[in-house]
N, C-alpha and C. Protein backbone atom coordinates (compact mmCIF):
# COMPACT_ATOMS: atom_id res chain seq x y z
N UNK A 1 5.71 33.76 10.56
CA UNK A 1 4.73 32.71 10.40
C UNK A 1 5.35 31.56 9.60
N UNK A 2 5.19 30.36 10.09
CA UNK A 2 5.77 29.20 9.41
C UNK A 2 5.02 28.92 8.12
N UNK A 3 5.78 28.50 7.09
CA UNK A 3 5.15 28.16 5.81
C UNK A 3 4.39 26.85 5.96
N UNK A 4 3.27 26.75 5.25
CA UNK A 4 2.52 25.49 5.22
C UNK A 4 2.85 24.77 3.94
N UNK A 5 3.16 23.50 4.07
CA UNK A 5 3.46 22.69 2.89
C UNK A 5 2.36 21.66 2.72
N UNK A 6 1.98 21.43 1.48
CA UNK A 6 0.97 20.41 1.17
C UNK A 6 1.56 19.46 0.15
N UNK A 7 1.33 18.19 0.36
CA UNK A 7 1.78 17.20 -0.62
C UNK A 7 0.90 17.29 -1.87
N UNK A 8 1.51 17.07 -3.04
CA UNK A 8 0.76 17.03 -4.28
C UNK A 8 -0.10 15.78 -4.28
N UNK A 9 -1.35 15.92 -4.74
CA UNK A 9 -2.22 14.76 -4.80
C UNK A 9 -1.71 13.82 -5.88
N UNK A 10 -1.56 12.54 -5.54
CA UNK A 10 -1.12 11.57 -6.53
C UNK A 10 -2.27 10.66 -6.94
N UNK A 11 -3.48 11.03 -6.57
CA UNK A 11 -4.66 10.31 -7.06
C UNK A 11 -4.95 10.76 -8.49
N UNK A 12 -5.56 9.89 -9.29
CA UNK A 12 -5.94 10.20 -10.66
C UNK A 12 -7.15 11.12 -10.63
N UNK A 13 -6.99 12.33 -11.15
CA UNK A 13 -8.05 13.34 -11.07
C UNK A 13 -9.34 12.83 -11.73
N UNK A 14 -10.43 12.93 -10.99
CA UNK A 14 -11.73 12.55 -11.52
C UNK A 14 -12.04 11.06 -11.47
N UNK A 15 -11.08 10.26 -10.99
CA UNK A 15 -11.30 8.81 -10.97
C UNK A 15 -12.09 8.41 -9.72
N UNK A 16 -13.03 7.49 -9.88
CA UNK A 16 -13.86 7.02 -8.76
C UNK A 16 -13.18 5.81 -8.11
N UNK A 17 -12.57 6.03 -6.95
CA UNK A 17 -11.82 4.97 -6.28
C UNK A 17 -12.71 4.03 -5.47
N UNK A 18 -14.04 4.10 -5.71
CA UNK A 18 -14.93 3.06 -5.17
C UNK A 18 -15.18 1.99 -6.23
N UNK A 19 -14.69 2.21 -7.45
CA UNK A 19 -14.93 1.26 -8.54
C UNK A 19 -14.27 -0.09 -8.24
N UNK A 20 -14.97 -1.15 -8.63
CA UNK A 20 -14.39 -2.48 -8.50
C UNK A 20 -13.18 -2.59 -9.41
N UNK A 21 -12.12 -3.18 -8.91
CA UNK A 21 -10.90 -3.35 -9.68
C UNK A 21 -9.73 -3.64 -8.78
N UNK A 22 -8.56 -3.81 -9.38
CA UNK A 22 -7.34 -4.15 -8.64
C UNK A 22 -6.44 -2.92 -8.55
N UNK A 23 -5.87 -2.71 -7.37
CA UNK A 23 -5.03 -1.54 -7.11
C UNK A 23 -3.72 -1.99 -6.45
N UNK A 24 -2.63 -1.38 -6.91
CA UNK A 24 -1.31 -1.61 -6.32
C UNK A 24 -1.04 -0.43 -5.39
N UNK A 25 -0.75 -0.70 -4.12
CA UNK A 25 -0.55 0.37 -3.15
C UNK A 25 0.81 0.24 -2.46
N UNK A 26 1.36 1.39 -2.10
CA UNK A 26 2.61 1.46 -1.35
C UNK A 26 2.44 2.47 -0.23
N UNK A 27 2.82 2.09 0.98
CA UNK A 27 2.81 2.99 2.13
C UNK A 27 4.22 3.01 2.71
N UNK A 28 4.76 4.21 2.93
CA UNK A 28 6.12 4.37 3.49
C UNK A 28 6.04 4.83 4.94
N UNK A 29 7.02 4.44 5.72
CA UNK A 29 7.11 4.92 7.09
C UNK A 29 7.45 6.41 7.09
N UNK A 30 7.10 7.08 8.16
CA UNK A 30 7.45 8.49 8.32
C UNK A 30 8.97 8.64 8.24
N UNK A 31 9.43 9.50 7.34
CA UNK A 31 10.87 9.70 7.17
C UNK A 31 11.58 8.51 6.55
N UNK A 32 10.81 7.55 6.10
CA UNK A 32 11.35 6.29 5.54
C UNK A 32 12.32 5.60 6.49
N UNK A 33 12.03 5.72 7.77
CA UNK A 33 12.85 5.04 8.78
C UNK A 33 12.62 3.53 8.70
N UNK A 34 13.65 2.77 8.97
CA UNK A 34 13.55 1.30 8.94
C UNK A 34 12.93 0.83 10.26
N UNK A 35 11.61 0.79 10.29
CA UNK A 35 10.85 0.49 11.51
C UNK A 35 10.32 -0.94 11.57
N UNK A 36 10.17 -1.61 10.42
CA UNK A 36 9.39 -2.85 10.36
C UNK A 36 10.21 -4.13 10.42
N UNK A 37 11.54 -4.02 10.48
CA UNK A 37 12.38 -5.21 10.50
C UNK A 37 13.57 -5.02 9.58
N UNK A 38 14.14 -6.12 9.12
CA UNK A 38 15.31 -6.03 8.24
C UNK A 38 15.34 -7.18 7.26
N UNK A 39 16.08 -6.96 6.18
CA UNK A 39 16.27 -8.00 5.18
C UNK A 39 17.56 -8.73 5.50
N UNK A 40 17.46 -10.07 5.68
CA UNK A 40 18.64 -10.91 5.94
C UNK A 40 18.66 -12.03 4.93
N UNK A 41 19.78 -12.19 4.25
CA UNK A 41 19.93 -13.27 3.26
C UNK A 41 18.75 -13.29 2.28
N UNK A 42 18.40 -12.11 1.77
CA UNK A 42 17.33 -11.95 0.77
C UNK A 42 15.95 -12.34 1.28
N UNK A 43 15.77 -12.36 2.60
CA UNK A 43 14.46 -12.65 3.20
C UNK A 43 14.12 -11.51 4.16
N UNK A 44 12.85 -11.10 4.16
CA UNK A 44 12.41 -10.07 5.08
C UNK A 44 12.10 -10.69 6.42
N UNK A 45 12.72 -10.17 7.48
CA UNK A 45 12.47 -10.62 8.85
C UNK A 45 11.78 -9.48 9.59
N UNK A 46 10.48 -9.64 9.83
CA UNK A 46 9.73 -8.56 10.47
C UNK A 46 9.98 -8.57 11.97
N UNK A 47 9.96 -7.38 12.57
CA UNK A 47 10.03 -7.26 14.02
C UNK A 47 8.59 -7.13 14.55
N UNK A 48 8.43 -6.78 15.81
CA UNK A 48 7.08 -6.66 16.40
C UNK A 48 6.25 -5.61 15.67
N UNK A 49 6.87 -4.52 15.27
CA UNK A 49 6.20 -3.45 14.54
C UNK A 49 5.70 -3.97 13.18
N UNK A 50 6.60 -4.66 12.47
CA UNK A 50 6.24 -5.22 11.17
C UNK A 50 5.14 -6.26 11.28
N UNK A 51 5.14 -7.02 12.37
CA UNK A 51 4.09 -8.03 12.58
C UNK A 51 2.73 -7.36 12.77
N UNK A 52 2.71 -6.20 13.43
CA UNK A 52 1.46 -5.44 13.58
C UNK A 52 0.95 -5.02 12.21
N UNK A 53 1.85 -4.52 11.38
CA UNK A 53 1.47 -4.09 10.03
C UNK A 53 0.86 -5.26 9.25
N UNK A 54 1.51 -6.42 9.33
CA UNK A 54 1.01 -7.60 8.62
C UNK A 54 -0.38 -8.00 9.12
N UNK A 55 -0.57 -8.02 10.45
CA UNK A 55 -1.87 -8.39 11.01
C UNK A 55 -2.97 -7.41 10.60
N UNK A 56 -2.64 -6.12 10.60
CA UNK A 56 -3.64 -5.11 10.22
C UNK A 56 -4.01 -5.23 8.75
N UNK A 57 -3.02 -5.53 7.90
CA UNK A 57 -3.32 -5.74 6.48
C UNK A 57 -4.21 -6.97 6.32
N UNK A 58 -3.84 -8.07 6.98
CA UNK A 58 -4.62 -9.31 6.86
C UNK A 58 -6.05 -9.14 7.36
N UNK A 59 -6.27 -8.17 8.27
CA UNK A 59 -7.60 -7.97 8.86
C UNK A 59 -8.49 -7.06 8.01
N UNK A 60 -7.96 -6.47 6.94
CA UNK A 60 -8.77 -5.54 6.14
C UNK A 60 -10.11 -6.15 5.71
N UNK A 61 -10.15 -7.37 5.15
CA UNK A 61 -11.44 -7.91 4.71
C UNK A 61 -12.45 -8.15 5.83
N UNK A 62 -11.97 -8.30 7.08
CA UNK A 62 -12.90 -8.47 8.20
C UNK A 62 -13.71 -7.20 8.43
N UNK A 63 -13.12 -6.05 8.13
CA UNK A 63 -13.77 -4.76 8.36
C UNK A 63 -14.31 -4.15 7.08
N UNK A 64 -13.74 -4.55 5.96
CA UNK A 64 -14.14 -4.02 4.65
C UNK A 64 -14.44 -5.22 3.73
N UNK A 65 -15.66 -5.76 3.79
CA UNK A 65 -15.95 -6.99 3.05
C UNK A 65 -15.84 -6.86 1.53
N UNK A 66 -15.78 -5.64 1.01
CA UNK A 66 -15.62 -5.46 -0.43
C UNK A 66 -14.16 -5.59 -0.86
N UNK A 67 -13.25 -5.73 0.11
CA UNK A 67 -11.81 -5.77 -0.18
C UNK A 67 -11.30 -7.21 -0.18
N UNK A 68 -10.53 -7.54 -1.19
CA UNK A 68 -9.87 -8.85 -1.30
C UNK A 68 -8.38 -8.57 -1.42
N UNK A 69 -7.57 -9.31 -0.68
CA UNK A 69 -6.13 -9.08 -0.66
C UNK A 69 -5.40 -10.05 -1.56
N UNK A 70 -4.35 -9.56 -2.20
CA UNK A 70 -3.50 -10.40 -3.05
C UNK A 70 -2.08 -10.28 -2.53
N UNK A 71 -1.10 -10.25 -3.39
CA UNK A 71 0.31 -10.22 -2.98
C UNK A 71 0.58 -9.02 -2.06
N UNK A 72 1.41 -9.25 -1.04
CA UNK A 72 1.72 -8.20 -0.06
C UNK A 72 3.09 -8.48 0.54
N UNK A 73 3.83 -7.42 0.85
CA UNK A 73 5.11 -7.59 1.53
C UNK A 73 5.33 -6.43 2.49
N UNK A 74 5.81 -6.76 3.68
CA UNK A 74 6.29 -5.75 4.63
C UNK A 74 7.79 -5.66 4.44
N UNK A 75 8.29 -4.47 4.15
CA UNK A 75 9.72 -4.24 3.99
C UNK A 75 10.19 -3.36 5.16
N UNK A 76 11.49 -3.12 5.31
CA UNK A 76 11.95 -2.36 6.49
C UNK A 76 11.29 -1.00 6.66
N UNK A 77 11.01 -0.29 5.56
CA UNK A 77 10.46 1.06 5.70
C UNK A 77 9.26 1.34 4.81
N UNK A 78 8.67 0.29 4.25
CA UNK A 78 7.48 0.48 3.42
C UNK A 78 6.77 -0.85 3.26
N UNK A 79 5.57 -0.78 2.73
CA UNK A 79 4.84 -1.98 2.36
C UNK A 79 4.35 -1.81 0.93
N UNK A 80 4.26 -2.93 0.22
CA UNK A 80 3.64 -2.97 -1.11
C UNK A 80 2.52 -4.00 -1.03
N UNK A 81 1.41 -3.72 -1.68
CA UNK A 81 0.34 -4.70 -1.72
C UNK A 81 -0.57 -4.51 -2.91
N UNK A 82 -1.26 -5.58 -3.24
CA UNK A 82 -2.33 -5.51 -4.25
C UNK A 82 -3.64 -5.73 -3.52
N UNK A 83 -4.53 -4.80 -3.70
CA UNK A 83 -5.84 -4.84 -3.04
C UNK A 83 -6.91 -4.77 -4.13
N UNK A 84 -7.90 -5.65 -4.03
CA UNK A 84 -8.99 -5.69 -5.00
C UNK A 84 -10.26 -5.21 -4.32
N UNK A 85 -10.92 -4.24 -4.95
CA UNK A 85 -12.25 -3.85 -4.51
C UNK A 85 -13.23 -4.60 -5.40
N UNK A 86 -14.05 -5.43 -4.79
CA UNK A 86 -15.01 -6.23 -5.54
C UNK A 86 -16.28 -5.42 -5.78
N UNK A 87 -17.16 -5.96 -6.58
CA UNK A 87 -18.41 -5.25 -6.88
C UNK A 87 -19.51 -5.58 -5.88
N UNK A 88 -19.14 -6.20 -4.75
CA UNK A 88 -20.17 -6.54 -3.74
C UNK A 88 -20.93 -5.33 -3.27
N UNK A 89 -20.24 -4.17 -3.19
CA UNK A 89 -20.92 -2.97 -2.71
C UNK A 89 -20.81 -1.83 -3.71
N UNK A 90 -20.31 -2.12 -4.90
CA UNK A 90 -20.17 -1.06 -5.90
C UNK A 90 -21.26 -1.20 -6.95
N UNK A 91 -21.71 -0.11 -7.51
CA UNK A 91 -22.73 -0.15 -8.53
C UNK A 91 -22.14 0.04 -9.91
N UNK A 92 -20.88 0.47 -9.98
CA UNK A 92 -20.23 0.72 -11.25
C UNK A 92 -19.62 -0.56 -11.79
N UNK A 93 -19.39 -0.64 -13.11
CA UNK A 93 -18.76 -1.84 -13.68
C UNK A 93 -17.31 -1.94 -13.24
N UNK A 94 -16.74 -3.17 -13.18
CA UNK A 94 -15.34 -3.33 -12.77
C UNK A 94 -14.40 -2.65 -13.73
N UNK A 95 -13.24 -2.23 -13.21
CA UNK A 95 -12.19 -1.64 -14.04
C UNK A 95 -10.92 -2.44 -13.84
N UNK A 96 -9.99 -2.28 -14.75
CA UNK A 96 -8.68 -2.91 -14.58
C UNK A 96 -8.74 -4.42 -14.73
N UNK A 97 -7.78 -5.08 -14.09
CA UNK A 97 -7.63 -6.53 -14.24
C UNK A 97 -8.79 -7.27 -13.61
N UNK A 98 -9.06 -8.47 -14.10
CA UNK A 98 -10.12 -9.30 -13.55
C UNK A 98 -9.84 -9.65 -12.11
N UNK A 99 -10.88 -9.99 -11.37
CA UNK A 99 -10.74 -10.26 -9.94
C UNK A 99 -10.30 -11.70 -9.69
N UNK A 100 -9.08 -12.00 -10.07
CA UNK A 100 -8.51 -13.30 -9.77
C UNK A 100 -7.02 -13.15 -9.63
N UNK A 101 -6.38 -14.02 -8.83
CA UNK A 101 -4.95 -13.87 -8.56
C UNK A 101 -4.10 -14.22 -9.76
N UNK A 102 -2.83 -13.77 -9.75
CA UNK A 102 -1.93 -14.10 -10.85
C UNK A 102 -1.76 -15.61 -10.99
N UNK A 103 -1.53 -16.03 -12.23
CA UNK A 103 -1.33 -17.46 -12.48
C UNK A 103 0.06 -17.85 -12.02
N UNK A 104 0.18 -18.94 -11.24
CA UNK A 104 1.50 -19.34 -10.78
C UNK A 104 2.37 -19.82 -11.94
N UNK A 105 3.65 -19.47 -11.87
CA UNK A 105 4.60 -19.96 -12.86
C UNK A 105 4.64 -19.15 -14.14
N UNK A 106 3.76 -18.15 -14.33
CA UNK A 106 3.76 -17.35 -15.54
C UNK A 106 4.70 -16.17 -15.34
N UNK A 107 5.65 -16.01 -16.23
CA UNK A 107 6.63 -14.92 -16.13
C UNK A 107 6.41 -13.94 -17.27
N UNK A 108 5.76 -12.81 -17.00
CA UNK A 108 5.56 -11.82 -18.04
C UNK A 108 6.83 -11.03 -18.33
N UNK A 109 6.75 -10.13 -19.32
CA UNK A 109 7.89 -9.28 -19.64
C UNK A 109 8.26 -8.45 -18.43
N UNK A 110 9.56 -8.19 -18.22
CA UNK A 110 9.96 -7.40 -17.04
C UNK A 110 9.43 -5.97 -17.15
N UNK A 111 9.08 -5.43 -16.03
CA UNK A 111 8.63 -4.04 -15.95
C UNK A 111 9.04 -3.49 -14.61
N UNK A 112 9.06 -2.19 -14.48
CA UNK A 112 9.43 -1.58 -13.21
C UNK A 112 8.22 -0.86 -12.64
N UNK A 113 7.40 -1.57 -11.84
CA UNK A 113 6.20 -0.94 -11.30
C UNK A 113 6.46 -0.16 -10.03
N UNK A 114 7.67 0.36 -9.84
CA UNK A 114 7.95 1.12 -8.63
C UNK A 114 7.16 2.41 -8.64
N UNK A 115 6.75 2.86 -7.48
CA UNK A 115 5.88 4.04 -7.41
C UNK A 115 6.60 5.34 -7.67
N UNK A 116 5.78 6.37 -7.96
CA UNK A 116 6.30 7.72 -8.01
C UNK A 116 6.74 8.09 -6.60
N UNK A 117 7.43 9.21 -6.47
CA UNK A 117 7.94 9.61 -5.17
C UNK A 117 6.81 10.09 -4.26
N UNK A 118 6.51 9.36 -3.16
CA UNK A 118 5.45 9.79 -2.25
C UNK A 118 5.80 11.07 -1.50
N UNK A 119 7.06 11.55 -1.62
CA UNK A 119 7.47 12.76 -0.92
C UNK A 119 7.22 14.04 -1.73
N UNK A 120 6.68 13.91 -2.94
CA UNK A 120 6.45 15.09 -3.77
C UNK A 120 5.51 16.05 -3.06
N UNK A 121 5.72 17.38 -3.21
CA UNK A 121 4.85 18.34 -2.54
C UNK A 121 3.41 18.23 -3.03
N UNK A 122 2.48 18.46 -2.14
CA UNK A 122 1.06 18.37 -2.46
C UNK A 122 0.50 19.78 -2.66
N UNK A 123 -0.35 19.94 -3.69
CA UNK A 123 -0.92 21.25 -3.97
C UNK A 123 -2.10 21.59 -3.09
N UNK A 124 -2.83 20.57 -2.65
CA UNK A 124 -3.99 20.84 -1.80
C UNK A 124 -4.13 19.74 -0.77
N UNK A 125 -4.85 19.99 0.32
CA UNK A 125 -4.97 18.97 1.37
C UNK A 125 -5.74 17.75 0.89
N UNK A 126 -5.54 16.64 1.61
CA UNK A 126 -6.26 15.41 1.30
C UNK A 126 -7.75 15.62 1.57
N UNK A 127 -8.58 15.17 0.64
CA UNK A 127 -10.03 15.33 0.79
C UNK A 127 -10.58 14.29 1.76
N UNK A 128 -11.78 14.51 2.24
CA UNK A 128 -12.45 13.54 3.10
C UNK A 128 -12.68 12.27 2.29
N UNK A 129 -12.39 11.13 2.90
CA UNK A 129 -12.48 9.86 2.18
C UNK A 129 -13.93 9.40 2.02
N UNK A 130 -14.24 8.89 0.84
CA UNK A 130 -15.55 8.33 0.55
C UNK A 130 -15.59 6.92 1.11
N UNK A 131 -16.66 6.58 1.81
CA UNK A 131 -16.79 5.24 2.41
C UNK A 131 -16.65 4.16 1.34
N UNK A 132 -15.91 3.11 1.68
CA UNK A 132 -15.66 1.94 0.83
C UNK A 132 -14.76 2.24 -0.37
N UNK A 133 -14.18 3.44 -0.42
CA UNK A 133 -13.23 3.76 -1.49
C UNK A 133 -11.86 3.22 -1.12
N UNK A 134 -10.95 3.21 -2.09
CA UNK A 134 -9.58 2.79 -1.80
C UNK A 134 -8.98 3.69 -0.72
N UNK A 135 -9.22 4.99 -0.81
CA UNK A 135 -8.69 5.92 0.19
C UNK A 135 -9.20 5.61 1.58
N UNK A 136 -10.48 5.26 1.69
CA UNK A 136 -11.07 4.91 2.99
C UNK A 136 -10.43 3.64 3.55
N UNK A 137 -10.23 2.66 2.69
CA UNK A 137 -9.60 1.40 3.12
C UNK A 137 -8.18 1.67 3.61
N UNK A 138 -7.41 2.44 2.86
CA UNK A 138 -6.02 2.71 3.23
C UNK A 138 -5.95 3.57 4.49
N UNK A 139 -6.82 4.54 4.61
CA UNK A 139 -6.87 5.39 5.81
C UNK A 139 -7.16 4.53 7.04
N UNK A 140 -8.11 3.61 6.91
CA UNK A 140 -8.48 2.73 8.01
C UNK A 140 -7.33 1.80 8.38
N UNK A 141 -6.65 1.24 7.38
CA UNK A 141 -5.49 0.37 7.61
C UNK A 141 -4.39 1.13 8.35
N UNK A 142 -4.05 2.31 7.88
CA UNK A 142 -2.98 3.08 8.52
C UNK A 142 -3.34 3.48 9.95
N UNK A 143 -4.61 3.84 10.16
CA UNK A 143 -5.05 4.20 11.52
C UNK A 143 -4.99 3.00 12.45
N UNK A 144 -5.35 1.81 11.94
CA UNK A 144 -5.31 0.59 12.76
C UNK A 144 -3.88 0.28 13.18
N UNK A 145 -2.93 0.44 12.26
CA UNK A 145 -1.52 0.20 12.59
C UNK A 145 -1.08 1.17 13.68
N UNK A 146 -1.40 2.45 13.51
CA UNK A 146 -1.00 3.45 14.51
C UNK A 146 -1.57 3.13 15.88
N UNK A 147 -2.87 2.83 15.94
CA UNK A 147 -3.49 2.52 17.23
C UNK A 147 -2.81 1.34 17.91
N UNK A 148 -2.51 0.30 17.13
CA UNK A 148 -1.94 -0.92 17.72
C UNK A 148 -0.51 -0.71 18.19
N UNK A 149 0.31 0.02 17.41
CA UNK A 149 1.70 0.21 17.86
C UNK A 149 1.76 1.12 19.08
N UNK A 150 0.82 2.07 19.19
CA UNK A 150 0.76 2.89 20.41
C UNK A 150 0.33 2.02 21.58
N UNK A 151 -0.68 1.20 21.36
CA UNK A 151 -1.18 0.33 22.43
C UNK A 151 -0.11 -0.64 22.91
N UNK A 152 0.68 -1.17 21.97
CA UNK A 152 1.74 -2.13 22.31
C UNK A 152 3.00 -1.46 22.84
N UNK A 153 3.02 -0.13 22.85
CA UNK A 153 4.19 0.59 23.35
C UNK A 153 5.37 0.57 22.41
N UNK A 154 5.13 0.31 21.12
CA UNK A 154 6.22 0.26 20.14
C UNK A 154 6.65 1.65 19.69
N UNK A 155 5.75 2.62 19.84
CA UNK A 155 6.05 4.02 19.55
C UNK A 155 5.29 4.88 20.55
N UNK A 156 5.85 6.02 20.94
CA UNK A 156 5.10 6.93 21.81
C UNK A 156 3.84 7.42 21.10
N UNK A 157 2.75 7.50 21.83
CA UNK A 157 1.47 7.94 21.27
C UNK A 157 1.63 9.28 20.58
N UNK A 158 1.07 9.39 19.38
CA UNK A 158 1.14 10.62 18.62
C UNK A 158 2.32 10.70 17.65
N UNK A 159 3.28 9.79 17.78
CA UNK A 159 4.41 9.77 16.84
C UNK A 159 3.92 9.29 15.49
N UNK A 160 4.21 10.02 14.41
CA UNK A 160 3.76 9.57 13.09
C UNK A 160 4.35 8.20 12.75
N UNK A 161 3.51 7.32 12.25
CA UNK A 161 3.94 5.98 11.87
C UNK A 161 4.31 5.95 10.40
N UNK A 162 3.44 6.50 9.57
CA UNK A 162 3.66 6.46 8.13
C UNK A 162 3.54 7.86 7.55
N UNK A 163 4.02 7.99 6.31
CA UNK A 163 3.83 9.24 5.61
C UNK A 163 2.34 9.49 5.43
N UNK A 164 1.99 10.76 5.33
CA UNK A 164 0.58 11.13 5.29
C UNK A 164 -0.13 10.54 4.08
N UNK A 165 0.55 10.43 2.97
CA UNK A 165 -0.06 9.95 1.75
C UNK A 165 0.32 8.49 1.52
N UNK A 166 -0.15 7.95 0.43
CA UNK A 166 0.24 6.61 -0.02
C UNK A 166 0.22 6.65 -1.53
N UNK A 167 0.94 5.73 -2.15
CA UNK A 167 0.96 5.63 -3.60
C UNK A 167 -0.03 4.58 -4.02
N UNK A 168 -0.73 4.82 -5.11
CA UNK A 168 -1.59 3.79 -5.69
C UNK A 168 -1.44 3.79 -7.20
N UNK A 169 -1.71 2.63 -7.77
CA UNK A 169 -1.69 2.47 -9.22
C UNK A 169 -2.86 1.56 -9.59
N UNK A 170 -3.66 1.98 -10.54
CA UNK A 170 -4.78 1.15 -11.01
C UNK A 170 -4.21 0.07 -11.92
N UNK A 171 -4.43 -1.18 -11.58
CA UNK A 171 -3.91 -2.29 -12.39
C UNK A 171 -4.88 -2.51 -13.55
N UNK A 172 -4.39 -2.35 -14.76
CA UNK A 172 -5.26 -2.30 -15.94
C UNK A 172 -5.48 -3.65 -16.62
N UNK A 173 -4.56 -4.60 -16.44
CA UNK A 173 -4.73 -5.89 -17.11
C UNK A 173 -3.99 -6.97 -16.34
N UNK A 174 -4.22 -8.21 -16.74
CA UNK A 174 -3.66 -9.34 -15.99
C UNK A 174 -2.14 -9.43 -16.09
N UNK A 175 -1.58 -9.07 -17.25
CA UNK A 175 -0.11 -9.11 -17.40
C UNK A 175 0.54 -8.12 -16.44
N UNK A 176 -0.05 -6.93 -16.32
CA UNK A 176 0.48 -5.93 -15.40
C UNK A 176 0.35 -6.43 -13.95
N UNK A 177 -0.78 -7.06 -13.64
CA UNK A 177 -1.01 -7.62 -12.31
C UNK A 177 0.11 -8.60 -11.97
N UNK A 178 0.42 -9.49 -12.90
CA UNK A 178 1.45 -10.50 -12.64
C UNK A 178 2.83 -9.87 -12.49
N UNK A 179 3.14 -8.85 -13.29
CA UNK A 179 4.44 -8.18 -13.16
C UNK A 179 4.58 -7.53 -11.79
N UNK A 180 3.51 -6.87 -11.35
CA UNK A 180 3.54 -6.19 -10.06
C UNK A 180 3.61 -7.21 -8.92
N UNK A 181 2.85 -8.30 -9.04
CA UNK A 181 2.90 -9.34 -8.01
C UNK A 181 4.31 -9.93 -7.90
N UNK A 182 4.97 -10.13 -9.04
CA UNK A 182 6.35 -10.63 -9.03
C UNK A 182 7.28 -9.61 -8.39
N UNK A 183 7.09 -8.34 -8.71
CA UNK A 183 7.91 -7.27 -8.13
C UNK A 183 7.78 -7.27 -6.61
N UNK A 184 6.54 -7.37 -6.12
CA UNK A 184 6.31 -7.39 -4.67
C UNK A 184 6.97 -8.61 -4.05
N UNK A 185 6.75 -9.76 -4.64
CA UNK A 185 7.30 -11.02 -4.11
C UNK A 185 8.82 -10.98 -4.05
N UNK A 186 9.44 -10.36 -5.08
CA UNK A 186 10.90 -10.35 -5.18
C UNK A 186 11.55 -9.17 -4.47
N UNK A 187 10.77 -8.33 -3.80
CA UNK A 187 11.31 -7.13 -3.16
C UNK A 187 12.46 -7.42 -2.20
N UNK A 188 12.36 -8.43 -1.31
CA UNK A 188 13.50 -8.71 -0.41
C UNK A 188 14.77 -9.10 -1.16
N UNK A 189 14.64 -9.89 -2.22
CA UNK A 189 15.80 -10.30 -3.02
C UNK A 189 16.47 -9.10 -3.66
N UNK A 190 15.69 -8.12 -4.05
CA UNK A 190 16.22 -6.94 -4.75
C UNK A 190 16.47 -5.76 -3.82
N UNK A 191 16.46 -5.99 -2.51
CA UNK A 191 16.51 -4.91 -1.53
C UNK A 191 17.78 -4.07 -1.65
N UNK A 192 18.92 -4.68 -1.96
CA UNK A 192 20.18 -3.92 -2.00
C UNK A 192 20.12 -2.77 -3.00
N UNK A 193 19.41 -2.98 -4.09
CA UNK A 193 19.31 -1.92 -5.10
C UNK A 193 18.00 -1.18 -5.07
N UNK A 194 17.18 -1.40 -4.05
CA UNK A 194 15.85 -0.79 -3.99
C UNK A 194 15.95 0.70 -3.71
N UNK A 195 15.13 1.49 -4.39
CA UNK A 195 15.16 2.95 -4.20
C UNK A 195 14.73 3.36 -2.80
N UNK A 196 14.01 2.48 -2.08
CA UNK A 196 13.59 2.79 -0.70
C UNK A 196 14.67 2.44 0.32
N UNK A 197 15.71 1.73 -0.10
CA UNK A 197 16.76 1.29 0.82
C UNK A 197 17.78 2.40 1.01
N UNK A 198 17.43 3.34 1.91
CA UNK A 198 18.30 4.49 2.18
C UNK A 198 18.49 4.67 3.66
């Protein structure tokens, strides 16, 4: 009998991911294959697959009106983004950074907001997603990308597009928001030394 492996949950235990606030998310391709394009001269050049990912991300607020999008980048084998859940449909008070974009031109102290390893083993299966939660939004985004790439013939139907899980980080204050936004924006420039560039 084949062994069953489960990825370790990287969600914060007991945290309500329907709460209004800002979240930093990372989604990796299955096997971290370079599917979305390539970095040339410190600029990300998306291919047809990467363009689908960008369109599906941009369409999130059309389907999830409580979601507001901030900095986002499609990289060869992953995406990074900041997603804000507003209080339009939440009853709880906001958490984390205020619901406004980073101030242009402000350079906070350097930090390394790179995610934990999304490949870590999981202790239990992913739970059913709560409607309008961060998990529901990300599940819907990933499913939309899969449907579109199958429809466009970019991958054979049923081929995994992304890793089963995704990384998230609750953004706690505006300085952290700006550091993460800068990290996302500068990802193509720093691609040669990026931990995902394998």
